[in-house]
Amino acid sequence: LLNRRAFDDAITRRLGAGGGVPGTLTYVDLDNFKKVNDTKGHQVGDQALIHLSDILKRQAKPGDLIARLGGDEFALWMDGVSEENAPARAEWILETGKELLQYSGSPDYPVGLSIGMAVYRPGSGESRERLIERADAVMYEIKHGGKGWYRIAPAADAQTTAGTPGWDRD
């Protein structure tokens, strides 16, 4: 997997290329991960992170990028994925993510995934920073609204707000 810096560089190049292909930036956060480390230990926590990276690699298509941003946060750039096919990709990740339940720290805190997505439209002039902000904001809307689902951010030029980045994170 790429690290944060390599992922940011790759996304910057993709957006700067100005090609006619859309893409979807996807943020994936492991729900209730702290409980895994606290009750089962860091070795089991590491196994859960490796398993999630394997899930993300299985869903990757040519041109996609996968990174571990840090902690239990991962990012994907899904090349050519538009608003029409982003939901199917998110639902596949969520369904396959059920494999992670085996790492849960307790039945009351099941390991799951929260996913925030922001679709990039070529020619929109949207910056990498704004694209990241949109994906991050909707992921945290999911985290604070019950976890275990996905949301696609409103378009960059939409008048509605996608959420407030920087909320308290678990």
N, C-alpha and C. Protein backbone atom coordinates (compact mmCIF):
# COMPACT_ATOMS: atom_id res chain seq x y z
N LEU A 1 0.84 -1.19 0.00
CA LEU A 1 0.00 0.00 0.00
C LEU A 1 0.88 1.24 0.00
N LEU A 2 0.34 2.31 -0.55
CA LEU A 2 1.03 3.59 -0.51
C LEU A 2 0.91 4.19 0.89
N ASN A 3 1.85 5.05 1.25
CA ASN A 3 1.69 5.83 2.47
C ASN A 3 0.98 7.14 2.10
N ARG A 4 0.70 7.98 3.09
CA ARG A 4 -0.05 9.21 2.85
C ARG A 4 0.64 10.11 1.82
N ARG A 5 1.93 10.31 1.97
CA ARG A 5 2.65 11.21 1.06
C ARG A 5 2.61 10.70 -0.38
N ALA A 6 2.89 9.42 -0.58
CA ALA A 6 2.88 8.86 -1.93
C ALA A 6 1.47 8.92 -2.53
N PHE A 7 0.46 8.67 -1.71
CA PHE A 7 -0.92 8.73 -2.18
C PHE A 7 -1.28 10.15 -2.58
N ASP A 8 -0.94 11.13 -1.74
CA ASP A 8 -1.22 12.53 -2.05
C ASP A 8 -0.54 12.94 -3.35
N ASP A 9 0.72 12.53 -3.53
CA ASP A 9 1.44 12.84 -4.77
C ASP A 9 0.75 12.23 -5.98
N ALA A 10 0.33 10.97 -5.84
CA ALA A 10 -0.32 10.28 -6.96
C ALA A 10 -1.66 10.93 -7.30
N ILE A 11 -2.43 11.32 -6.29
CA ILE A 11 -3.71 11.98 -6.54
C ILE A 11 -3.49 13.34 -7.20
N THR A 12 -2.50 14.06 -6.73
CA THR A 12 -2.19 15.35 -7.33
C THR A 12 -1.86 15.19 -8.80
N ARG A 13 -1.08 14.18 -9.14
CA ARG A 13 -0.75 13.92 -10.56
C ARG A 13 -2.01 13.56 -11.35
N ARG A 14 -2.88 12.74 -10.76
CA ARG A 14 -4.11 12.34 -11.47
C ARG A 14 -4.99 13.55 -11.76
N LEU A 15 -5.16 14.40 -10.77
CA LEU A 15 -6.02 15.57 -10.96
C LEU A 15 -5.35 16.58 -11.88
N GLY A 16 -4.05 16.69 -11.81
CA GLY A 16 -3.33 17.63 -12.65
C GLY A 16 -3.23 17.20 -14.09
N ALA A 17 -3.43 15.90 -14.34
CA ALA A 17 -3.34 15.39 -15.71
C ALA A 17 -4.48 15.95 -16.56
N GLY A 18 -5.58 16.33 -15.93
CA GLY A 18 -6.68 16.95 -16.66
C GLY A 18 -7.37 16.03 -17.64
N GLY A 19 -7.18 14.73 -17.47
CA GLY A 19 -7.81 13.79 -18.38
C GLY A 19 -9.32 13.84 -18.28
N GLY A 20 -9.97 13.21 -19.22
CA GLY A 20 -11.42 13.23 -19.27
C GLY A 20 -12.09 12.13 -18.48
N VAL A 21 -11.37 11.52 -17.54
CA VAL A 21 -11.91 10.39 -16.79
C VAL A 21 -12.22 10.81 -15.36
N PRO A 22 -13.43 10.54 -14.90
CA PRO A 22 -13.73 10.82 -13.50
C PRO A 22 -13.06 9.79 -12.60
N GLY A 23 -13.12 10.04 -11.34
CA GLY A 23 -12.62 9.09 -10.36
C GLY A 23 -13.31 9.37 -9.04
N THR A 24 -13.21 8.41 -8.14
CA THR A 24 -13.82 8.57 -6.83
C THR A 24 -12.77 8.36 -5.76
N LEU A 25 -12.65 9.36 -4.90
CA LEU A 25 -11.79 9.25 -3.74
C LEU A 25 -12.62 8.65 -2.62
N THR A 26 -12.11 7.58 -2.04
CA THR A 26 -12.83 6.83 -1.02
C THR A 26 -12.00 6.74 0.24
N TYR A 27 -12.58 7.18 1.35
CA TYR A 27 -11.94 7.04 2.65
C TYR A 27 -12.64 5.91 3.40
N VAL A 28 -11.84 4.99 3.94
CA VAL A 28 -12.36 3.84 4.67
C VAL A 28 -11.78 3.88 6.08
N ASP A 29 -12.65 3.82 7.06
CA ASP A 29 -12.23 3.84 8.46
C ASP A 29 -12.74 2.58 9.14
N LEU A 30 -11.88 1.96 9.91
CA LEU A 30 -12.22 0.74 10.63
C LEU A 30 -12.97 1.11 11.90
N ASP A 31 -14.22 0.72 11.99
CA ASP A 31 -15.05 1.03 13.16
C ASP A 31 -14.66 0.15 14.34
N ASN A 32 -14.62 0.77 15.52
CA ASN A 32 -14.37 0.09 16.80
C ASN A 32 -13.00 -0.58 16.87
N PHE A 33 -12.05 -0.02 16.14
CA PHE A 33 -10.71 -0.60 16.12
C PHE A 33 -10.00 -0.48 17.47
N LYS A 34 -10.19 0.61 18.17
CA LYS A 34 -9.54 0.79 19.48
C LYS A 34 -9.91 -0.33 20.43
N LYS A 35 -11.16 -0.78 20.37
CA LYS A 35 -11.63 -1.87 21.24
C LYS A 35 -10.88 -3.17 20.94
N VAL A 36 -10.52 -3.38 19.67
CA VAL A 36 -9.74 -4.57 19.30
C VAL A 36 -8.40 -4.54 20.01
N ASN A 37 -7.68 -3.43 19.86
CA ASN A 37 -6.37 -3.31 20.50
C ASN A 37 -6.48 -3.40 22.02
N ASP A 38 -7.51 -2.79 22.59
CA ASP A 38 -7.65 -2.76 24.05
C ASP A 38 -7.99 -4.13 24.64
N THR A 39 -8.76 -4.93 23.94
CA THR A 39 -9.22 -6.21 24.51
C THR A 39 -8.47 -7.42 23.96
N LYS A 40 -8.02 -7.36 22.72
CA LYS A 40 -7.37 -8.53 22.11
C LYS A 40 -5.88 -8.33 21.87
N GLY A 41 -5.42 -7.11 22.00
CA GLY A 41 -3.99 -6.82 21.84
C GLY A 41 -3.64 -6.28 20.47
N HIS A 42 -2.48 -5.68 20.41
CA HIS A 42 -2.04 -5.03 19.18
C HIS A 42 -1.71 -6.02 18.06
N GLN A 43 -1.33 -7.23 18.41
CA GLN A 43 -1.05 -8.21 17.36
C GLN A 43 -2.33 -8.54 16.59
N VAL A 44 -3.44 -8.70 17.30
CA VAL A 44 -4.72 -8.96 16.63
C VAL A 44 -5.15 -7.71 15.86
N GLY A 45 -4.90 -6.54 16.44
CA GLY A 45 -5.19 -5.30 15.73
C GLY A 45 -4.43 -5.21 14.42
N ASP A 46 -3.15 -5.60 14.45
CA ASP A 46 -2.35 -5.62 13.22
C ASP A 46 -2.93 -6.60 12.20
N GLN A 47 -3.38 -7.76 12.68
CA GLN A 47 -3.99 -8.73 11.76
C GLN A 47 -5.24 -8.15 11.10
N ALA A 48 -6.04 -7.40 11.86
CA ALA A 48 -7.24 -6.77 11.30
C ALA A 48 -6.87 -5.75 10.23
N LEU A 49 -5.82 -4.97 10.47
CA LEU A 49 -5.38 -3.99 9.47
C LEU A 49 -4.88 -4.66 8.20
N ILE A 50 -4.14 -5.74 8.35
CA ILE A 50 -3.64 -6.48 7.19
C ILE A 50 -4.81 -7.09 6.42
N HIS A 51 -5.78 -7.62 7.14
CA HIS A 51 -6.95 -8.21 6.49
C HIS A 51 -7.72 -7.14 5.71
N LEU A 52 -7.89 -5.95 6.30
CA LEU A 52 -8.57 -4.88 5.57
C LEU A 52 -7.78 -4.48 4.33
N SER A 53 -6.47 -4.41 4.42
CA SER A 53 -5.69 -4.07 3.23
C SER A 53 -5.86 -5.13 2.15
N ASP A 54 -5.96 -6.40 2.55
CA ASP A 54 -6.21 -7.48 1.58
C ASP A 54 -7.58 -7.33 0.92
N ILE A 55 -8.59 -6.95 1.69
CA ILE A 55 -9.93 -6.72 1.12
C ILE A 55 -9.87 -5.61 0.09
N LEU A 56 -9.20 -4.53 0.41
CA LEU A 56 -9.12 -3.41 -0.51
C LEU A 56 -8.34 -3.77 -1.77
N LYS A 57 -7.29 -4.57 -1.62
CA LYS A 57 -6.53 -5.03 -2.79
C LYS A 57 -7.39 -5.91 -3.69
N ARG A 58 -8.24 -6.74 -3.10
CA ARG A 58 -9.11 -7.63 -3.89
C ARG A 58 -10.09 -6.84 -4.74
N GLN A 59 -10.55 -5.71 -4.26
CA GLN A 59 -11.53 -4.94 -5.01
C GLN A 59 -10.88 -4.00 -6.01
N ALA A 60 -9.58 -3.79 -5.92
CA ALA A 60 -8.90 -2.83 -6.79
C ALA A 60 -8.92 -3.27 -8.24
N LYS A 61 -9.08 -2.29 -9.09
CA LYS A 61 -9.05 -2.49 -10.54
C LYS A 61 -7.79 -1.80 -11.07
N PRO A 62 -7.39 -2.09 -12.31
CA PRO A 62 -6.23 -1.38 -12.88
C PRO A 62 -6.46 0.13 -12.83
N GLY A 63 -5.46 0.86 -12.39
CA GLY A 63 -5.56 2.31 -12.27
C GLY A 63 -5.96 2.80 -10.90
N ASP A 64 -6.46 1.91 -10.04
CA ASP A 64 -6.83 2.30 -8.68
C ASP A 64 -5.57 2.43 -7.83
N LEU A 65 -5.68 3.24 -6.79
CA LEU A 65 -4.60 3.42 -5.82
C LEU A 65 -5.13 3.11 -4.43
N ILE A 66 -4.32 2.48 -3.60
CA ILE A 66 -4.72 2.16 -2.23
C ILE A 66 -3.61 2.64 -1.30
N ALA A 67 -4.02 3.26 -0.19
CA ALA A 67 -3.05 3.74 0.79
C ALA A 67 -3.57 3.54 2.20
N ARG A 68 -2.63 3.35 3.09
CA ARG A 68 -2.95 3.44 4.52
C ARG A 68 -2.51 4.82 4.94
N LEU A 69 -3.47 5.62 5.37
CA LEU A 69 -3.18 6.99 5.73
C LEU A 69 -2.58 7.09 7.11
N GLY A 70 -2.87 6.11 7.94
CA GLY A 70 -2.37 6.10 9.31
C GLY A 70 -3.43 5.50 10.20
N GLY A 71 -2.99 4.93 11.31
CA GLY A 71 -3.95 4.33 12.23
C GLY A 71 -4.83 3.33 11.53
N ASP A 72 -6.14 3.55 11.62
CA ASP A 72 -7.09 2.63 10.99
C ASP A 72 -7.80 3.28 9.81
N GLU A 73 -7.16 4.26 9.17
CA GLU A 73 -7.75 4.95 8.03
C GLU A 73 -7.01 4.59 6.75
N PHE A 74 -7.80 4.27 5.74
CA PHE A 74 -7.30 3.90 4.44
C PHE A 74 -7.96 4.79 3.39
N ALA A 75 -7.30 4.92 2.24
CA ALA A 75 -7.86 5.69 1.15
C ALA A 75 -7.70 4.91 -0.15
N LEU A 76 -8.67 5.11 -1.03
CA LEU A 76 -8.62 4.51 -2.36
C LEU A 76 -8.94 5.58 -3.38
N TRP A 77 -8.24 5.56 -4.47
CA TRP A 77 -8.62 6.32 -5.64
C TRP A 77 -9.14 5.29 -6.61
N MET A 78 -10.41 5.39 -6.96
CA MET A 78 -11.03 4.43 -7.88
C MET A 78 -11.14 5.11 -9.24
N ASP A 79 -10.21 4.77 -10.11
CA ASP A 79 -10.08 5.39 -11.41
C ASP A 79 -11.29 5.08 -12.29
N GLY A 80 -11.87 6.13 -12.87
CA GLY A 80 -12.99 5.95 -13.78
C GLY A 80 -14.32 5.68 -13.12
N VAL A 81 -14.36 5.68 -11.80
CA VAL A 81 -15.60 5.39 -11.08
C VAL A 81 -16.38 6.69 -10.90
N SER A 82 -17.60 6.69 -11.42
CA SER A 82 -18.46 7.87 -11.35
C SER A 82 -19.54 7.66 -10.29
N GLU A 83 -20.43 8.64 -10.15
CA GLU A 83 -21.52 8.54 -9.17
C GLU A 83 -22.43 7.34 -9.45
N GLU A 84 -22.51 6.93 -10.69
CA GLU A 84 -23.39 5.81 -11.03
C GLU A 84 -22.86 4.48 -10.52
N ASN A 85 -21.54 4.27 -10.56
CA ASN A 85 -21.02 2.97 -10.13
C ASN A 85 -20.29 2.99 -8.79
N ALA A 86 -20.15 4.15 -8.16
CA ALA A 86 -19.52 4.23 -6.84
C ALA A 86 -20.30 3.45 -5.78
N PRO A 87 -21.64 3.52 -5.76
CA PRO A 87 -22.36 2.75 -4.72
C PRO A 87 -22.09 1.25 -4.77
N ALA A 88 -22.00 0.67 -5.93
CA ALA A 88 -21.75 -0.77 -6.03
C ALA A 88 -20.37 -1.12 -5.46
N ARG A 89 -19.39 -0.26 -5.72
CA ARG A 89 -18.05 -0.52 -5.18
C ARG A 89 -18.06 -0.40 -3.66
N ALA A 90 -18.75 0.60 -3.12
CA ALA A 90 -18.84 0.78 -1.67
C ALA A 90 -19.56 -0.39 -1.01
N GLU A 91 -20.65 -0.83 -1.62
CA GLU A 91 -21.41 -1.94 -1.05
C GLU A 91 -20.60 -3.23 -1.07
N TRP A 92 -19.78 -3.44 -2.10
CA TRP A 92 -18.92 -4.62 -2.15
C TRP A 92 -17.91 -4.56 -0.99
N ILE A 93 -17.30 -3.39 -0.77
CA ILE A 93 -16.33 -3.26 0.32
C ILE A 93 -17.01 -3.53 1.65
N LEU A 94 -18.20 -2.97 1.85
CA LEU A 94 -18.91 -3.19 3.12
C LEU A 94 -19.27 -4.66 3.31
N GLU A 95 -19.76 -5.29 2.28
CA GLU A 95 -20.14 -6.71 2.39
C GLU A 95 -18.92 -7.57 2.68
N THR A 96 -17.85 -7.35 1.96
CA THR A 96 -16.64 -8.13 2.16
C THR A 96 -16.01 -7.78 3.51
N GLY A 97 -16.22 -6.55 3.96
CA GLY A 97 -15.71 -6.12 5.25
C GLY A 97 -16.28 -6.90 6.42
N LYS A 98 -17.37 -7.62 6.20
CA LYS A 98 -17.92 -8.46 7.28
C LYS A 98 -16.94 -9.54 7.70
N GLU A 99 -15.94 -9.83 6.85
CA GLU A 99 -14.89 -10.77 7.23
C GLU A 99 -14.13 -10.28 8.46
N LEU A 100 -14.16 -8.99 8.72
CA LEU A 100 -13.42 -8.40 9.83
C LEU A 100 -14.10 -8.59 11.18
N LEU A 101 -15.33 -9.05 11.18
CA LEU A 101 -16.05 -9.25 12.44
C LEU A 101 -15.31 -10.17 13.41
N GLN A 102 -14.53 -11.10 12.88
CA GLN A 102 -13.78 -12.03 13.72
C GLN A 102 -12.79 -11.33 14.65
N TYR A 103 -12.43 -10.08 14.35
CA TYR A 103 -11.47 -9.35 15.17
C TYR A 103 -12.14 -8.49 16.24
N SER A 104 -13.45 -8.47 16.28
CA SER A 104 -14.18 -7.59 17.19
C SER A 104 -13.73 -7.77 18.63
N GLY A 105 -13.62 -6.65 19.33
CA GLY A 105 -13.21 -6.67 20.72
C GLY A 105 -14.30 -7.16 21.64
N SER A 106 -15.56 -7.00 21.24
CA SER A 106 -16.70 -7.50 21.99
C SER A 106 -17.92 -7.44 21.09
N PRO A 107 -18.97 -8.22 21.41
CA PRO A 107 -20.19 -8.18 20.59
C PRO A 107 -20.83 -6.79 20.56
N ASP A 108 -20.61 -6.00 21.61
CA ASP A 108 -21.18 -4.65 21.66
C ASP A 108 -20.42 -3.67 20.78
N TYR A 109 -19.21 -4.04 20.37
CA TYR A 109 -18.37 -3.18 19.55
C TYR A 109 -17.85 -3.95 18.34
N PRO A 110 -18.73 -4.29 17.40
CA PRO A 110 -18.28 -5.07 16.25
C PRO A 110 -17.38 -4.25 15.32
N VAL A 111 -16.37 -4.90 14.79
CA VAL A 111 -15.51 -4.25 13.81
C VAL A 111 -16.31 -4.15 12.51
N GLY A 112 -16.28 -2.99 11.94
CA GLY A 112 -16.96 -2.73 10.68
C GLY A 112 -16.25 -1.62 9.94
N LEU A 113 -16.89 -1.10 8.91
CA LEU A 113 -16.29 -0.06 8.09
C LEU A 113 -17.23 1.11 7.91
N SER A 114 -16.67 2.30 7.91
CA SER A 114 -17.38 3.52 7.54
C SER A 114 -16.66 4.09 6.33
N ILE A 115 -17.43 4.46 5.30
CA ILE A 115 -16.84 4.86 4.03
C ILE A 115 -17.40 6.21 3.58
N GLY A 116 -16.49 7.11 3.28
CA GLY A 116 -16.86 8.40 2.69
C GLY A 116 -16.29 8.49 1.29
N MET A 117 -17.11 8.95 0.35
CA MET A 117 -16.70 9.01 -1.05
C MET A 117 -16.93 10.41 -1.62
N ALA A 118 -16.01 10.84 -2.47
CA ALA A 118 -16.16 12.10 -3.19
C ALA A 118 -15.79 11.84 -4.64
N VAL A 119 -16.72 12.12 -5.54
CA VAL A 119 -16.50 11.90 -6.97
C VAL A 119 -15.84 13.14 -7.57
N TYR A 120 -14.76 12.91 -8.30
CA TYR A 120 -14.06 13.98 -9.00
C TYR A 120 -14.56 14.05 -10.43
N ARG A 121 -14.92 15.25 -10.83
CA ARG A 121 -15.37 15.49 -12.20
C ARG A 121 -14.28 16.24 -12.95
N PRO A 122 -13.74 15.65 -14.01
CA PRO A 122 -12.70 16.34 -14.79
C PRO A 122 -13.21 17.69 -15.28
N GLY A 123 -12.33 18.64 -15.26
CA GLY A 123 -12.70 19.98 -15.72
C GLY A 123 -13.40 20.82 -14.67
N SER A 124 -13.62 20.27 -13.49
CA SER A 124 -14.32 21.00 -12.43
C SER A 124 -13.43 22.05 -11.77
N GLY A 125 -12.13 21.86 -11.87
CA GLY A 125 -11.21 22.77 -11.22
C GLY A 125 -11.07 22.50 -9.73
N GLU A 126 -11.67 21.42 -9.25
CA GLU A 126 -11.60 21.10 -7.83
C GLU A 126 -10.17 20.75 -7.45
N SER A 127 -9.72 21.28 -6.32
CA SER A 127 -8.37 20.99 -5.83
C SER A 127 -8.35 19.64 -5.11
N ARG A 128 -7.15 19.11 -4.98
CA ARG A 128 -6.96 17.87 -4.23
C ARG A 128 -7.42 18.06 -2.80
N GLU A 129 -7.12 19.21 -2.21
CA GLU A 129 -7.50 19.48 -0.84
C GLU A 129 -9.02 19.46 -0.66
N ARG A 130 -9.74 20.08 -1.58
CA ARG A 130 -11.20 20.11 -1.49
C ARG A 130 -11.79 18.72 -1.68
N LEU A 131 -11.24 17.94 -2.60
CA LEU A 131 -11.70 16.57 -2.83
C LEU A 131 -11.52 15.74 -1.56
N ILE A 132 -10.36 15.85 -0.95
CA ILE A 132 -10.08 15.13 0.30
C ILE A 132 -11.03 15.58 1.40
N GLU A 133 -11.24 16.88 1.49
CA GLU A 133 -12.13 17.42 2.51
C GLU A 133 -13.55 16.85 2.37
N ARG A 134 -14.03 16.74 1.13
CA ARG A 134 -15.38 16.21 0.92
C ARG A 134 -15.48 14.75 1.33
N ALA A 135 -14.49 13.93 0.95
CA ALA A 135 -14.52 12.51 1.31
C ALA A 135 -14.41 12.33 2.81
N ASP A 136 -13.53 13.08 3.43
CA ASP A 136 -13.31 13.00 4.87
C ASP A 136 -14.57 13.42 5.63
N ALA A 137 -15.20 14.48 5.19
CA ALA A 137 -16.39 15.00 5.89
C ALA A 137 -17.53 13.99 5.90
N VAL A 138 -17.80 13.37 4.77
CA VAL A 138 -18.93 12.42 4.76
C VAL A 138 -18.58 11.14 5.49
N MET A 139 -17.29 10.77 5.51
CA MET A 139 -16.92 9.59 6.30
C MET A 139 -17.23 9.85 7.77
N TYR A 140 -16.92 11.04 8.25
CA TYR A 140 -17.18 11.34 9.66
C TYR A 140 -18.66 11.56 9.94
N GLU A 141 -19.43 11.93 8.95
CA GLU A 141 -20.88 11.94 9.13
C GLU A 141 -21.36 10.52 9.41
N ILE A 142 -20.84 9.56 8.68
CA ILE A 142 -21.19 8.15 8.89
C ILE A 142 -20.72 7.71 10.28
N LYS A 143 -19.49 8.04 10.65
CA LYS A 143 -18.95 7.63 11.96
C LYS A 143 -19.82 8.15 13.10
N HIS A 144 -20.30 9.37 12.96
CA HIS A 144 -21.10 9.97 14.03
C HIS A 144 -22.58 9.68 13.91
N GLY A 145 -22.98 9.06 12.82
CA GLY A 145 -24.40 8.76 12.62
C GLY A 145 -24.74 7.30 12.74
N GLY A 146 -23.84 6.50 13.29
CA GLY A 146 -24.17 5.10 13.50
C GLY A 146 -23.17 4.11 12.94
N LYS A 147 -22.26 4.55 12.09
CA LYS A 147 -21.19 3.71 11.54
C LYS A 147 -21.74 2.62 10.61
N GLY A 148 -20.81 1.97 9.92
CA GLY A 148 -21.14 0.79 9.15
C GLY A 148 -21.84 1.01 7.83
N TRP A 149 -21.67 2.17 7.20
CA TRP A 149 -22.31 2.42 5.92
C TRP A 149 -21.41 3.32 5.10
N TYR A 150 -21.92 3.82 3.98
CA TYR A 150 -21.16 4.73 3.14
C TYR A 150 -22.03 5.93 2.78
N ARG A 151 -21.37 6.97 2.36
CA ARG A 151 -22.07 8.15 1.86
C ARG A 151 -21.21 8.78 0.78
N ILE A 152 -21.86 9.29 -0.24
CA ILE A 152 -21.18 10.02 -1.31
C ILE A 152 -21.41 11.51 -1.07
N ALA A 153 -20.34 12.27 -1.06
CA ALA A 153 -20.41 13.71 -0.81
C ALA A 153 -21.16 14.41 -1.94
N PRO A 154 -21.87 15.50 -1.62
CA PRO A 154 -22.45 16.32 -2.68
C PRO A 154 -21.34 16.80 -3.62
N ALA A 155 -21.70 17.08 -4.84
CA ALA A 155 -20.73 17.56 -5.82
C ALA A 155 -20.01 18.79 -5.29
N ALA A 156 -18.80 19.00 -5.76
CA ALA A 156 -17.98 20.12 -5.30
C ALA A 156 -18.67 21.45 -5.49
N ASP A 157 -19.49 21.56 -6.51
CA ASP A 157 -20.15 22.83 -6.80
C ASP A 157 -21.55 22.91 -6.19
N ALA A 158 -21.95 21.88 -5.43
CA ALA A 158 -23.28 21.89 -4.80
C ALA A 158 -23.31 22.94 -3.69
N GLN A 159 -24.46 23.50 -3.47
CA GLN A 159 -24.63 24.54 -2.45
C GLN A 159 -24.72 23.96 -1.04
N THR A 160 -25.10 22.67 -0.93
CA THR A 160 -25.22 22.08 0.40
C THR A 160 -23.85 21.69 0.90
N THR A 161 -23.70 21.62 2.21
CA THR A 161 -22.42 21.22 2.77
C THR A 161 -22.43 19.73 3.02
N ALA A 162 -21.25 19.13 2.91
CA ALA A 162 -21.12 17.69 3.09
C ALA A 162 -20.91 17.33 4.55
N GLY A 163 -20.57 18.28 5.37
CA GLY A 163 -20.29 18.00 6.77
C GLY A 163 -19.13 18.85 7.23
N THR A 164 -18.76 18.68 8.44
CA THR A 164 -17.69 19.48 9.01
C THR A 164 -16.50 18.61 9.31
N PRO A 165 -15.41 18.75 8.52
CA PRO A 165 -14.22 17.97 8.83
C PRO A 165 -13.65 18.39 10.18
N GLY A 166 -12.94 17.47 10.80
CA GLY A 166 -12.27 17.78 12.04
C GLY A 166 -13.11 17.52 13.29
N TRP A 167 -14.23 16.86 13.16
CA TRP A 167 -15.01 16.49 14.34
C TRP A 167 -14.16 15.59 15.21
N ASP A 168 -14.58 15.43 16.45
CA ASP A 168 -13.90 14.46 17.31
C ASP A 168 -13.98 13.09 16.66
N ARG A 169 -12.86 12.44 16.61
CA ARG A 169 -12.79 11.13 15.94
C ARG A 169 -12.58 10.06 16.97
N ASP A 170 -13.20 8.89 16.73
CA ASP A 170 -12.99 7.80 17.71
C ASP A 170 -11.83 6.95 17.31
